[in-house]
Amino acid sequence: MKIGRNDPCHCGSGQKYKKCHLPTDEAAERAARAAAAPAPAEDAPVAEAPAGDAPAGAAATRTAGAPARPAGTLGGRAKLPPAPPPAPARRRAV
């Protein structure tokens, strides 16, 4: 049975478990999970951007096959007008 956070600690200190041994138990559990997890492969292939007539950064930001949009457009969405300035603060009579 798992001990609850608000149960008395199993070491007999008289404190709640969350104040006594919970941080050390969680750290040990994280370390065990990290040791059991497979390490990422260092020799993984790197995806390269396709060569073409697009600028260097443009190919990485577009999805493959998506048409290029002219600069300054929002892709068919209307541009919203600027927000109005905030109203002046009102003072209450005391």
PDB file of N, CA and C in Angstrom:
ATOM      1  N   MET A   1       0.840  -1.178   0.000  1.00  0.00           N
ATOM      2  CA  MET A   1       0.000   0.000   0.000  1.00  0.00           C
ATOM      3  C   MET A   1       0.882   1.237   0.000  1.00  0.00           C
ATOM      4  N   LYS A   2       0.506   2.228  -0.801  1.00  0.00           N
ATOM      5  CA  LYS A   2       1.282   3.444  -0.932  1.00  0.00           C
ATOM      6  C   LYS A   2       0.945   4.390   0.212  1.00  0.00           C
ATOM      7  N   ILE A   3       1.963   5.032   0.739  1.00  0.00           N
ATOM      8  CA  ILE A   3       1.763   5.978   1.832  1.00  0.00           C
ATOM      9  C   ILE A   3       1.269   7.302   1.245  1.00  0.00           C
ATOM     10  N   GLY A   4       0.338   7.943   1.921  1.00  0.00           N
ATOM     11  CA  GLY A   4      -0.205   9.215   1.464  1.00  0.00           C
ATOM     12  C   GLY A   4       0.665  10.380   1.902  1.00  0.00           C
ATOM     13  N   ARG A   5       0.512  11.504   1.240  1.00  0.00           N
ATOM     14  CA  ARG A   5       1.310  12.693   1.572  1.00  0.00           C
ATOM     15  C   ARG A   5       1.056  13.176   2.987  1.00  0.00           C
ATOM     16  N   ASN A   6      -0.193  13.099   3.439  1.00  0.00           N
ATOM     17  CA  ASN A   6      -0.537  13.634   4.758  1.00  0.00           C
ATOM     18  C   ASN A   6      -0.497  12.588   5.867  1.00  0.00           C
ATOM     19  N   ASP A   7      -0.071  11.370   5.544  1.00  0.00           N
ATOM     20  CA  ASP A   7       0.066  10.335   6.570  1.00  0.00           C
ATOM     21  C   ASP A   7       1.334  10.587   7.379  1.00  0.00           C
ATOM     22  N   PRO A   8       1.408  10.055   8.592  1.00  0.00           N
ATOM     23  CA  PRO A   8       2.661  10.170   9.355  1.00  0.00           C
ATOM     24  C   PRO A   8       3.784   9.461   8.607  1.00  0.00           C
ATOM     25  N   CYS A   9       4.998   9.998   8.729  1.00  0.00           N
ATOM     26  CA  CYS A   9       6.141   9.429   8.017  1.00  0.00           C
ATOM     27  C   CYS A   9       6.463   8.040   8.554  1.00  0.00           C
ATOM     28  N   HIS A  10       6.956   7.184   7.668  1.00  0.00           N
ATOM     29  CA  HIS A  10       7.259   5.803   8.038  1.00  0.00           C
ATOM     30  C   HIS A  10       8.496   5.692   8.922  1.00  0.00           C
ATOM     31  N   CYS A  11       9.288   6.757   9.045  1.00  0.00           N
ATOM     32  CA  CYS A  11      10.510   6.686   9.850  1.00  0.00           C
ATOM     33  C   CYS A  11      10.231   6.896  11.337  1.00  0.00           C
ATOM     34  N   GLY A  12       9.022   7.342  11.672  1.00  0.00           N
ATOM     35  CA  GLY A  12       8.673   7.533  13.074  1.00  0.00           C
ATOM     36  C   GLY A  12       9.062   8.892  13.634  1.00  0.00           C
ATOM     37  N   SER A  13       9.321   9.872  12.781  1.00  0.00           N
ATOM     38  CA  SER A  13       9.733  11.191  13.252  1.00  0.00           C
ATOM     39  C   SER A  13       8.580  11.998  13.829  1.00  0.00           C
ATOM     40  N   GLY A  14       7.352  11.607  13.518  1.00  0.00           N
ATOM     41  CA  GLY A  14       6.188  12.349  13.978  1.00  0.00           C
ATOM     42  C   GLY A  14       5.745  13.413  12.989  1.00  0.00           C
ATOM     43  N   GLN A  15       6.522  13.655  11.943  1.00  0.00           N
ATOM     44  CA  GLN A  15       6.151  14.619  10.917  1.00  0.00           C
ATOM     45  C   GLN A  15       5.304  13.946   9.851  1.00  0.00           C
ATOM     46  N   LYS A  16       4.633  14.795   9.051  1.00  0.00           N
ATOM     47  CA  LYS A  16       3.920  14.248   7.906  1.00  0.00           C
ATOM     48  C   LYS A  16       4.946  13.787   6.878  1.00  0.00           C
ATOM     49  N   TYR A  17       4.537  12.795   6.098  1.00  0.00           N
ATOM     50  CA  TYR A  17       5.419  12.220   5.080  1.00  0.00           C
ATOM     51  C   TYR A  17       5.890  13.282   4.092  1.00  0.00           C
ATOM     52  N   LYS A  18       5.010  14.230   3.711  1.00  0.00           N
ATOM     53  CA  LYS A  18       5.375  15.234   2.710  1.00  0.00           C
ATOM     54  C   LYS A  18       6.455  16.184   3.211  1.00  0.00           C
ATOM     55  N   LYS A  19       6.577  16.342   4.528  1.00  0.00           N
ATOM     56  CA  LYS A  19       7.595  17.221   5.093  1.00  0.00           C
ATOM     57  C   LYS A  19       8.880  16.480   5.440  1.00  0.00           C
ATOM     58  N   CYS A  20       8.833  15.156   5.513  1.00  0.00           N
ATOM     59  CA  CYS A  20       9.972  14.380   5.985  1.00  0.00           C
ATOM     60  C   CYS A  20      10.690  13.648   4.850  1.00  0.00           C
ATOM     61  N   HIS A  21      10.137  12.566   4.357  1.00  0.00           N
ATOM     62  CA  HIS A  21      10.832  11.718   3.396  1.00  0.00           C
ATOM     63  C   HIS A  21      10.322  11.815   1.954  1.00  0.00           C
ATOM     64  N   LEU A  22       9.252  12.534   1.682  1.00  0.00           N
ATOM     65  CA  LEU A  22       8.718  12.612   0.320  1.00  0.00           C
ATOM     66  C   LEU A  22       9.738  13.174  -0.677  1.00  0.00           C
ATOM     67  N   PRO A  23      10.427  14.281  -0.370  1.00  0.00           N
ATOM     68  CA  PRO A  23      11.384  14.795  -1.369  1.00  0.00           C
ATOM     69  C   PRO A  23      12.504  13.808  -1.697  1.00  0.00           C
ATOM     70  N   THR A  24      13.037  13.113  -0.709  1.00  0.00           N
ATOM     71  CA  THR A  24      14.116  12.160  -0.980  1.00  0.00           C
ATOM     72  C   THR A  24      13.597  10.943  -1.730  1.00  0.00           C
ATOM     73  N   ASP A  25      12.391  10.483  -1.392  1.00  0.00           N
ATOM     74  CA  ASP A  25      11.814   9.341  -2.100  1.00  0.00           C
ATOM     75  C   ASP A  25      11.539   9.690  -3.564  1.00  0.00           C
ATOM     76  N   GLU A  26      11.035  10.917  -3.818  1.00  0.00           N
ATOM     77  CA  GLU A  26      10.756  11.323  -5.194  1.00  0.00           C
ATOM     78  C   GLU A  26      12.054  11.460  -5.988  1.00  0.00           C
ATOM     79  N   ALA A  27      13.108  11.979  -5.359  1.00  0.00           N
ATOM     80  CA  ALA A  27      14.394  12.113  -6.048  1.00  0.00           C
ATOM     81  C   ALA A  27      14.949  10.741  -6.416  1.00  0.00           C
ATOM     82  N   ALA A  28      14.818   9.777  -5.515  1.00  0.00           N
ATOM     83  CA  ALA A  28      15.292   8.427  -5.803  1.00  0.00           C
ATOM     84  C   ALA A  28      14.489   7.793  -6.936  1.00  0.00           C
ATOM     85  N   GLU A  29      13.188   8.060  -6.970  1.00  0.00           N
ATOM     86  CA  GLU A  29      12.342   7.515  -8.032  1.00  0.00           C
ATOM     87  C   GLU A  29      12.700   8.140  -9.378  1.00  0.00           C
ATOM     88  N   ARG A  30      12.957   9.466  -9.402  1.00  0.00           N
ATOM     89  CA  ARG A  30      13.364  10.124 -10.648  1.00  0.00           C
ATOM     90  C   ARG A  30      14.693   9.576 -11.148  1.00  0.00           C
ATOM     91  N   ALA A  31      15.631   9.331 -10.232  1.00  0.00           N
ATOM     92  CA  ALA A  31      16.927   8.795 -10.626  1.00  0.00           C
ATOM     93  C   ALA A  31      16.782   7.389 -11.195  1.00  0.00           C
ATOM     94  N   ALA A  32      15.899   6.583 -10.604  1.00  0.00           N
ATOM     95  CA  ALA A  32      15.683   5.232 -11.102  1.00  0.00           C
ATOM     96  C   ALA A  32      15.052   5.257 -12.493  1.00  0.00           C
ATOM     97  N   ARG A  33      14.116   6.187 -12.726  1.00  0.00           N
ATOM     98  CA  ARG A  33      13.491   6.300 -14.042  1.00  0.00           C
ATOM     99  C   ARG A  33      14.498   6.761 -15.084  1.00  0.00           C
ATOM    100  N   ALA A  34      15.369   7.701 -14.702  1.00  0.00           N
ATOM    101  CA  ALA A  34      16.363   8.201 -15.647  1.00  0.00           C
ATOM    102  C   ALA A  34      17.357   7.098 -16.021  1.00  0.00           C
ATOM    103  N   ALA A  35      17.704   6.251 -15.063  1.00  0.00           N
ATOM    104  CA  ALA A  35      18.632   5.165 -15.348  1.00  0.00           C
ATOM    105  C   ALA A  35      17.992   4.102 -16.237  1.00  0.00           C
ATOM    106  N   ALA A  36      16.694   3.912 -16.098  1.00  0.00           N
ATOM    107  CA  ALA A  36      15.996   2.893 -16.885  1.00  0.00           C
ATOM    108  C   ALA A  36      15.622   3.387 -18.278  1.00  0.00           C
ATOM    109  N   ALA A  37      15.563   4.699 -18.487  1.00  0.00           N
ATOM    110  CA  ALA A  37      15.168   5.250 -19.783  1.00  0.00           C
ATOM    111  C   ALA A  37      16.310   5.070 -20.776  1.00  0.00           C
ATOM    112  N   PRO A  38      15.977   4.759 -22.040  1.00  0.00           N
ATOM    113  CA  PRO A  38      17.032   4.600 -23.042  1.00  0.00           C
ATOM    114  C   PRO A  38      17.667   5.950 -23.352  1.00  0.00           C
ATOM    115  N   ALA A  39      18.967   5.943 -23.576  1.00  0.00           N
ATOM    116  CA  ALA A  39      19.697   7.165 -23.902  1.00  0.00           C
ATOM    117  C   ALA A  39      19.399   7.547 -25.345  1.00  0.00           C
ATOM    118  N   PRO A  40      19.300   8.849 -25.645  1.00  0.00           N
ATOM    119  CA  PRO A  40      19.060   9.257 -27.032  1.00  0.00           C
ATOM    120  C   PRO A  40      20.279   8.937 -27.895  1.00  0.00           C
ATOM    121  N   ALA A  41      20.018   8.541 -29.118  1.00  0.00           N
ATOM    122  CA  ALA A  41      21.099   8.175 -30.036  1.00  0.00           C
ATOM    123  C   ALA A  41      21.838   9.425 -30.483  1.00  0.00           C
ATOM    124  N   GLU A  42      23.155   9.393 -30.397  1.00  0.00           N
ATOM    125  CA  GLU A  42      23.950  10.540 -30.804  1.00  0.00           C
ATOM    126  C   GLU A  42      24.162  10.577 -32.305  1.00  0.00           C
ATOM    127  N   ASP A  43      24.048   9.434 -32.961  1.00  0.00           N
ATOM    128  CA  ASP A  43      24.280   9.362 -34.395  1.00  0.00           C
ATOM    129  C   ASP A  43      22.976   9.419 -35.177  1.00  0.00           C
ATOM    130  N   ALA A  44      21.945  10.070 -34.619  1.00  0.00           N
ATOM    131  CA  ALA A  44      20.656  10.161 -35.292  1.00  0.00           C
ATOM    132  C   ALA A  44      20.803  11.056 -36.525  1.00  0.00           C
ATOM    133  N   PRO A  45      20.165  10.699 -37.638  1.00  0.00           N
ATOM    134  CA  PRO A  45      20.265  11.530 -38.837  1.00  0.00           C
ATOM    135  C   PRO A  45      19.563  12.868 -38.635  1.00  0.00           C
ATOM    136  N   VAL A  46      20.122  13.900 -39.231  1.00  0.00           N
ATOM    137  CA  VAL A  46      19.569  15.245 -39.124  1.00  0.00           C
ATOM    138  C   VAL A  46      18.830  15.544 -40.411  1.00  0.00           C
ATOM    139  N   ALA A  47      17.584  16.009 -40.270  1.00  0.00           N
ATOM    140  CA  ALA A  47      16.802  16.357 -41.448  1.00  0.00           C
ATOM    141  C   ALA A  47      17.326  17.656 -42.035  1.00  0.00           C
ATOM    142  N   GLU A  48      17.543  17.675 -43.334  1.00  0.00           N
ATOM    143  CA  GLU A  48      18.052  18.869 -43.993  1.00  0.00           C
ATOM    144  C   GLU A  48      16.931  19.516 -44.787  1.00  0.00           C
ATOM    145  N   ALA A  49      17.002  20.826 -44.918  1.00  0.00           N
ATOM    146  CA  ALA A  49      16.019  21.569 -45.692  1.00  0.00           C
ATOM    147  C   ALA A  49      16.240  21.282 -47.176  1.00  0.00           C
ATOM    148  N   PRO A  50      15.158  21.170 -47.945  1.00  0.00           N
ATOM    149  CA  PRO A  50      15.321  20.911 -49.379  1.00  0.00           C
ATOM    150  C   PRO A  50      15.960  22.108 -50.076  1.00  0.00           C
ATOM    151  N   ALA A  51      16.806  21.814 -51.033  1.00  0.00           N
ATOM    152  CA  ALA A  51      17.458  22.882 -51.784  1.00  0.00           C
ATOM    153  C   ALA A  51      16.479  23.413 -52.812  1.00  0.00           C
ATOM    154  N   GLY A  52      16.512  24.703 -53.050  1.00  0.00           N
ATOM    155  CA  GLY A  52      15.608  25.302 -54.027  1.00  0.00           C
ATOM    156  C   GLY A  52      15.891  26.782 -54.141  1.00  0.00           C
ATOM    157  N   ASP A  53      14.929  27.503 -54.713  1.00  0.00           N
ATOM    158  CA  ASP A  53      15.138  28.926 -54.904  1.00  0.00           C
ATOM    159  C   ASP A  53      14.608  29.751 -53.726  1.00  0.00           C
ATOM    160  N   ALA A  54      14.145  29.117 -52.661  1.00  0.00           N
ATOM    161  CA  ALA A  54      13.633  29.841 -51.502  1.00  0.00           C
ATOM    162  C   ALA A  54      14.794  30.320 -50.645  1.00  0.00           C
ATOM    163  N   PRO A  55      14.593  31.411 -49.892  1.00  0.00           N
ATOM    164  CA  PRO A  55      15.637  31.862 -48.974  1.00  0.00           C
ATOM    165  C   PRO A  55      15.950  30.783 -47.947  1.00  0.00           C
ATOM    166  N   ALA A  56      17.087  30.900 -47.289  1.00  0.00           N
ATOM    167  CA  ALA A  56      17.556  29.864 -46.366  1.00  0.00           C
ATOM    168  C   ALA A  56      16.558  29.585 -45.251  1.00  0.00           C
ATOM    169  N   GLY A  57      15.959  30.596 -44.642  1.00  0.00           N
ATOM    170  CA  GLY A  57      15.052  30.385 -43.523  1.00  0.00           C
ATOM    171  C   GLY A  57      13.634  30.040 -43.939  1.00  0.00           C
ATOM    172  N   ALA A  58      13.256  30.323 -45.178  1.00  0.00           N
ATOM    173  CA  ALA A  58      11.875  30.129 -45.597  1.00  0.00           C
ATOM    174  C   ALA A  58      11.503  28.663 -45.694  1.00  0.00           C
ATOM    175  N   ALA A  59      12.404  27.805 -46.113  1.00  0.00           N
ATOM    176  CA  ALA A  59      12.078  26.392 -46.275  1.00  0.00           C
ATOM    177  C   ALA A  59      11.820  25.736 -44.932  1.00  0.00           C
ATOM    178  N   ALA A  60      12.494  26.182 -43.913  1.00  0.00           N
ATOM    179  CA  ALA A  60      12.331  25.571 -42.598  1.00  0.00           C
ATOM    180  C   ALA A  60      11.016  25.973 -41.945  1.00  0.00           C
ATOM    181  N   THR A  61      10.458  27.136 -42.285  1.00  0.00           N
ATOM    182  CA  THR A  61       9.239  27.598 -41.622  1.00  0.00           C
ATOM    183  C   THR A  61       7.974  27.122 -42.327  1.00  0.00           C
ATOM    184  N   ARG A  62       8.041  26.797 -43.600  1.00  0.00           N
ATOM    185  CA  ARG A  62       6.858  26.332 -44.314  1.00  0.00           C
ATOM    186  C   ARG A  62       6.771  24.821 -44.266  1.00  0.00           C
ATOM    187  N   THR A  63       5.562  24.313 -44.368  1.00  0.00           N
ATOM    188  CA  THR A  63       5.394  22.875 -44.471  1.00  0.00           C
ATOM    189  C   THR A  63       5.574  22.479 -45.937  1.00  0.00           C
ATOM    190  N   ALA A  64       5.921  21.242 -46.158  1.00  0.00           N
ATOM    191  CA  ALA A  64       6.167  20.778 -47.515  1.00  0.00           C
ATOM    192  C   ALA A  64       4.893  20.870 -48.337  1.00  0.00           C
ATOM    193  N   GLY A  65       4.985  21.454 -49.501  1.00  0.00           N
ATOM    194  CA  GLY A  65       3.854  21.543 -50.407  1.00  0.00           C
ATOM    195  C   GLY A  65       2.938  22.723 -50.142  1.00  0.00           C
ATOM    196  N   ALA A  66       3.155  23.485 -49.095  1.00  0.00           N
ATOM    197  CA  ALA A  66       2.300  24.630 -48.807  1.00  0.00           C
ATOM    198  C   ALA A  66       2.711  25.790 -49.704  1.00  0.00           C
ATOM    199  N   PRO A  67       1.744  26.502 -50.268  1.00  0.00           N
ATOM    200  CA  PRO A  67       2.098  27.629 -51.130  1.00  0.00           C
ATOM    201  C   PRO A  67       2.683  28.773 -50.301  1.00  0.00           C
ATOM    202  N   ALA A  68       3.608  29.499 -50.898  1.00  0.00           N
ATOM    203  CA  ALA A  68       4.214  30.639 -50.220  1.00  0.00           C
ATOM    204  C   ALA A  68       3.215  31.791 -50.211  1.00  0.00           C
ATOM    205  N   ARG A  69       3.180  32.533 -49.101  1.00  0.00           N
ATOM    206  CA  ARG A  69       2.297  33.698 -48.987  1.00  0.00           C
ATOM    207  C   ARG A  69       3.133  34.955 -49.142  1.00  0.00           C
ATOM    208  N   PRO A  70       2.553  35.988 -49.695  1.00  0.00           N
ATOM    209  CA  PRO A  70       3.287  37.250 -49.791  1.00  0.00           C
ATOM    210  C   PRO A  70       3.596  37.780 -48.390  1.00  0.00           C
ATOM    211  N   ALA A  71       4.682  38.511 -48.267  1.00  0.00           N
ATOM    212  CA  ALA A  71       5.074  39.063 -46.975  1.00  0.00           C
ATOM    213  C   ALA A  71       4.004  40.033 -46.466  1.00  0.00           C
ATOM    214  N   GLY A  72       3.725  39.990 -45.190  1.00  0.00           N
ATOM    215  CA  GLY A  72       2.773  40.916 -44.582  1.00  0.00           C
ATOM    216  C   GLY A  72       1.346  40.414 -44.558  1.00  0.00           C
ATOM    217  N   THR A  73       1.076  39.237 -45.092  1.00  0.00           N
ATOM    218  CA  THR A  73      -0.291  38.726 -45.052  1.00  0.00           C
ATOM    219  C   THR A  73      -0.426  37.748 -43.905  1.00  0.00           C
ATOM    220  N   LEU A  74      -1.634  37.532 -43.491  1.00  0.00           N
ATOM    221  CA  LEU A  74      -1.909  36.612 -42.396  1.00  0.00           C
ATOM    222  C   LEU A  74      -2.567  35.335 -42.895  1.00  0.00           C
ATOM    223  N   GLY A  75      -2.356  34.995 -44.128  1.00  0.00           N
ATOM    224  CA  GLY A  75      -2.884  33.753 -44.661  1.00  0.00           C
ATOM    225  C   GLY A  75      -4.393  33.754 -44.841  1.00  0.00           C
ATOM    226  N   GLY A  76      -4.951  34.840 -45.325  1.00  0.00           N
ATOM    227  CA  GLY A  76      -6.379  34.892 -45.572  1.00  0.00           C
ATOM    228  C   GLY A  76      -7.186  35.430 -44.405  1.00  0.00           C
ATOM    229  N   ARG A  77      -6.576  35.619 -43.270  1.00  0.00           N
ATOM    230  CA  ARG A  77      -7.292  36.177 -42.125  1.00  0.00           C
ATOM    231  C   ARG A  77      -7.219  37.691 -42.178  1.00  0.00           C
ATOM    232  N   ALA A  78      -8.281  38.333 -41.751  1.00  0.00           N
ATOM    233  CA  ALA A  78      -8.307  39.789 -41.737  1.00  0.00           C
ATOM    234  C   ALA A  78      -7.452  40.304 -40.592  1.00  0.00           C
ATOM    235  N   LYS A  79      -6.765  41.399 -40.828  1.00  0.00           N
ATOM    236  CA  LYS A  79      -5.932  41.997 -39.797  1.00  0.00           C
ATOM    237  C   LYS A  79      -6.827  42.787 -38.861  1.00  0.00           C
ATOM    238  N   LEU A  80      -6.662  42.584 -37.560  1.00  0.00           N
ATOM    239  CA  LEU A  80      -7.486  43.267 -36.574  1.00  0.00           C
ATOM    240  C   LEU A  80      -7.021  44.697 -36.389  1.00  0.00           C
ATOM    241  N   PRO A  81      -7.970  45.619 -36.121  1.00  0.00           N
ATOM    242  CA  PRO A  81      -7.571  47.002 -35.866  1.00  0.00           C
ATOM    243  C   PRO A  81      -6.868  47.093 -34.517  1.00  0.00           C
ATOM    244  N   PRO A  82      -6.086  48.139 -34.302  1.00  0.00           N
ATOM    245  CA  PRO A  82      -5.405  48.274 -33.019  1.00  0.00           C
ATOM    246  C   PRO A  82      -6.414  48.445 -31.883  1.00  0.00           C
ATOM    247  N   ALA A  83      -6.038  47.989 -30.703  1.00  0.00           N
ATOM    248  CA  ALA A  83      -6.917  48.081 -29.541  1.00  0.00           C
ATOM    249  C   ALA A  83      -7.048  49.540 -29.116  1.00  0.00           C
ATOM    250  N   PRO A  84      -8.228  49.940 -28.631  1.00  0.00           N
ATOM    251  CA  PRO A  84      -8.397  51.321 -28.183  1.00  0.00           C
ATOM    252  C   PRO A  84      -7.600  51.557 -26.896  1.00  0.00           C
ATOM    253  N   PRO A  85      -7.221  52.807 -26.645  1.00  0.00           N
ATOM    254  CA  PRO A  85      -6.472  53.082 -25.412  1.00  0.00           C
ATOM    255  C   PRO A  85      -7.349  52.836 -24.193  1.00  0.00           C
ATOM    256  N   PRO A  86      -6.754  52.507 -23.049  1.00  0.00           N
ATOM    257  CA  PRO A  86      -7.549  52.242 -21.862  1.00  0.00           C
ATOM    258  C   PRO A  86      -8.256  53.516 -21.385  1.00  0.00           C
ATOM    259  N   ALA A  87      -9.414  53.317 -20.792  1.00  0.00           N
ATOM    260  CA  ALA A  87     -10.197  54.461 -20.292  1.00  0.00           C
ATOM    261  C   ALA A  87      -9.488  55.037 -19.062  1.00  0.00           C
ATOM    262  N   PRO A  88      -9.599  56.349 -18.843  1.00  0.00           N
ATOM    263  CA  PRO A  88      -8.973  56.938 -17.655  1.00  0.00           C
ATOM    264  C   PRO A  88      -9.617  56.405 -16.391  1.00  0.00           C
ATOM    265  N   ALA A  89      -8.821  56.322 -15.345  1.00  0.00           N
ATOM    266  CA  ALA A  89      -9.312  55.809 -14.066  1.00  0.00           C
ATOM    267  C   ALA A  89     -10.315  56.795 -13.457  1.00  0.00           C
ATOM    268  N   ARG A  90     -11.371  56.256 -12.894  1.00  0.00           N
ATOM    269  CA  ARG A  90     -12.387  57.102 -12.257  1.00  0.00           C
ATOM    270  C   ARG A  90     -12.115  57.160 -10.776  1.00  0.00           C
ATOM    271  N   ARG A  91     -12.268  58.319 -10.218  1.00  0.00           N
ATOM    272  CA  ARG A  91     -12.032  58.499  -8.788  1.00  0.00           C
ATOM    273  C   ARG A  91     -13.354  58.461  -8.065  1.00  0.00           C
ATOM    274  N   ARG A  92     -13.363  57.796  -6.921  1.00  0.00           N
ATOM    275  CA  ARG A  92     -14.570  57.729  -6.116  1.00  0.00           C
ATOM    276  C   ARG A  92     -14.569  58.864  -5.096  1.00  0.00           C
ATOM    277  N   ALA A  93     -15.758  59.363  -4.803  1.00  0.00           N
ATOM    278  CA  ALA A  93     -15.887  60.386  -3.755  1.00  0.00           C
ATOM    279  C   ALA A  93     -15.753  59.718  -2.400  1.00  0.00           C
ATOM    280  N   VAL A  94     -15.061  60.368  -1.514  1.00  0.00           N
ATOM    281  CA  VAL A  94     -14.831  59.793  -0.199  1.00  0.00           C
ATOM    282  C   VAL A  94     -15.767  60.378   0.818  1.00  0.00           C
TER     283      VAL A  94
END
